[in-house]
């Protein structure tokens, strides 16, 4: 498995599952930061049409382009189906935000060759590593 530094340095496109257009939501602030740091953000949320100037998709399977990181802002019970979609999509990594932990889904992703980061904030890690 690659280090967090390697995952973030090699990634360009991040699909954010659960990204909300509500500015007070953590998913919005984190994604806005990552976008300002140069990452392409693809919102995945069936309740949204666009977030941060990007077209939103109802599911990860509907995203028409390659995704490097699938960043998950959903409760743990939703993680397995998202990981399965990330595997189908050919993502390089699955990133579960702080408070999102699902060991079985993490194992499934790792067995499929994806890097897994769990219970960590991508914004905090990006800042910590000064990327």
Protein backbone atom coordinates (compact mmCIF):
# COMPACT_ATOMS: atom_id res chain seq x y z
CA UNK A 1 0.00 0.00 0.00
CA UNK A 2 1.23 3.47 -0.89
CA UNK A 3 1.72 6.13 1.76
CA UNK A 4 -0.82 8.93 2.22
CA UNK A 5 1.76 11.28 0.70
CA UNK A 6 2.07 9.09 -2.41
CA UNK A 7 -1.71 8.75 -2.75
CA UNK A 8 -2.25 12.51 -2.56
CA UNK A 9 0.71 13.39 -4.81
CA UNK A 10 -0.33 11.02 -7.60
CA UNK A 11 -4.05 11.85 -7.53
CA UNK A 12 -5.68 14.45 -9.74
CA UNK A 13 -9.37 13.51 -9.67
CA UNK A 14 -11.36 12.92 -6.48
CA UNK A 15 -14.94 11.65 -6.51
CA UNK A 16 -16.57 12.80 -3.27
CA UNK A 17 -19.44 10.52 -2.28
CA UNK A 18 -21.88 12.42 -0.10
CA UNK A 19 -20.71 15.89 -1.15
CA UNK A 20 -23.37 18.43 -0.17
CA UNK A 21 -23.90 21.92 -1.58
CA UNK A 22 -24.56 23.15 1.96
CA UNK A 23 -21.56 25.26 2.90
CA UNK A 24 -21.70 24.32 6.59
CA UNK A 25 -21.28 20.59 5.87
CA UNK A 26 -17.78 19.15 6.35
CA UNK A 27 -17.92 17.56 2.88
CA UNK A 28 -18.28 21.01 1.30
CA UNK A 29 -15.41 22.65 3.18
CA UNK A 30 -13.04 19.74 2.66
CA UNK A 31 -13.87 19.49 -1.05
CA UNK A 32 -13.57 23.25 -1.53
CA UNK A 33 -10.10 23.11 0.04
CA UNK A 34 -9.03 20.16 -2.14
CA UNK A 35 -10.34 21.93 -5.24
CA UNK A 36 -8.32 25.06 -4.33
CA UNK A 37 -5.26 22.80 -3.93
CA UNK A 38 -5.61 21.75 -7.57
CA UNK A 39 -7.64 18.54 -7.41
CA UNK A 40 -10.59 17.98 -9.73
CA UNK A 41 -13.63 17.33 -7.52
CA UNK A 42 -16.52 15.22 -8.81
CA UNK A 43 -19.60 15.37 -6.58
CA UNK A 44 -21.50 12.10 -6.07
CA UNK A 45 -24.87 12.71 -4.44
CA UNK A 46 -28.34 11.88 -5.83
CA UNK A 47 -29.77 15.00 -4.14
CA UNK A 48 -27.46 17.43 -5.97
CA UNK A 49 -27.16 18.61 -9.58
CA UNK A 50 -23.93 20.58 -9.17
CA UNK A 51 -21.56 21.43 -6.33
CA UNK A 52 -18.48 23.67 -6.42
CA UNK A 53 -19.09 24.34 -10.11
CA UNK A 54 -18.95 20.64 -11.03
CA UNK A 55 -21.78 18.44 -12.32
CA UNK A 56 -22.98 16.01 -9.67
CA UNK A 57 -23.74 12.34 -10.31
CA UNK A 58 -26.25 10.22 -8.44
CA UNK A 59 -23.86 7.26 -8.13
CA UNK A 60 -20.19 6.55 -8.61
CA UNK A 61 -21.07 4.20 -11.48
CA UNK A 62 -22.50 7.18 -13.41
CA UNK A 63 -19.26 9.19 -13.31
CA UNK A 64 -18.04 9.09 -16.93
CA UNK A 65 -14.32 9.52 -16.29
CA UNK A 66 -11.45 7.91 -14.44
CA UNK A 67 -11.25 8.65 -10.72
CA UNK A 68 -8.09 8.47 -8.63
CA UNK A 69 -9.54 8.73 -5.11
CA UNK A 70 -13.05 7.94 -3.94
CA UNK A 71 -13.52 10.10 -0.84
CA UNK A 72 -16.39 8.85 1.32
CA UNK A 73 -18.55 11.20 3.41
CA UNK A 74 -21.24 8.63 4.23
CA UNK A 75 -22.11 6.60 7.30
CA UNK A 76 -20.24 3.30 7.68
CA UNK A 77 -23.26 1.16 6.70
CA UNK A 78 -23.09 2.66 3.18
CA UNK A 79 -19.36 2.04 2.70
CA UNK A 80 -19.43 -1.53 1.28
CA UNK A 81 -21.54 -0.61 -1.74
CA UNK A 82 -19.37 2.48 -2.37
CA UNK A 83 -16.19 0.38 -2.19
CA UNK A 84 -17.68 -2.13 -4.65
CA UNK A 85 -18.43 0.76 -7.03
CA UNK A 86 -14.89 2.14 -6.56
CA UNK A 87 -13.49 -1.26 -7.52
CA UNK A 88 -15.72 -1.42 -10.62
CA UNK A 89 -14.65 2.12 -11.50
CA UNK A 90 -10.96 1.24 -11.30
CA UNK A 91 -10.16 3.87 -8.67
CA UNK A 92 -6.66 3.87 -7.20
CA UNK A 93 -7.71 4.59 -3.63
CA UNK A 94 -10.65 4.68 -1.24
CA UNK A 95 -10.53 7.36 1.44
CA UNK A 96 -12.93 7.14 4.39
CA UNK A 97 -13.19 10.47 6.21
CA UNK A 98 -12.90 10.87 10.00
CA UNK A 99 -15.48 8.77 11.80
CA UNK A 100 -16.01 6.48 8.81
CA UNK A 101 -14.71 3.00 9.61
CA UNK A 102 -15.59 -0.29 7.91
CA UNK A 103 -12.96 -3.02 8.25
CA UNK A 104 -14.61 -5.53 5.90
CA UNK A 105 -15.00 -2.95 3.13
CA UNK A 106 -11.38 -1.84 3.64
CA UNK A 107 -10.21 -5.45 3.31
CA UNK A 108 -12.30 -5.89 0.14
CA UNK A 109 -10.73 -2.75 -1.39
CA UNK A 110 -7.20 -3.83 -0.46
CA UNK A 111 -7.77 -7.31 -1.90
CA UNK A 112 -8.83 -5.63 -5.16
CA UNK A 113 -5.57 -3.65 -5.19
CA UNK A 114 -6.85 -0.26 -4.00
CA UNK A 115 -5.05 1.83 -1.42
CA UNK A 116 -7.22 2.44 1.65
CA UNK A 117 -7.17 5.33 4.10
CA UNK A 118 -9.71 5.05 6.91
CA UNK A 119 -10.90 7.43 9.65
CA UNK A 120 -8.69 10.28 8.41
CA UNK A 121 -9.51 13.73 7.02
CA UNK A 122 -8.02 14.33 3.58
CA UNK A 123 -7.79 18.10 4.24
CA UNK A 124 -5.90 17.61 7.51
CA UNK A 125 -3.54 15.09 5.91
CA UNK A 126 -2.90 17.35 2.91
CA UNK A 127 -2.09 20.26 5.23
CA UNK A 128 0.01 18.12 7.57
CA UNK A 129 2.13 16.92 4.65
CA UNK A 130 2.38 20.47 3.24
CA UNK A 131 1.57 19.31 -0.28
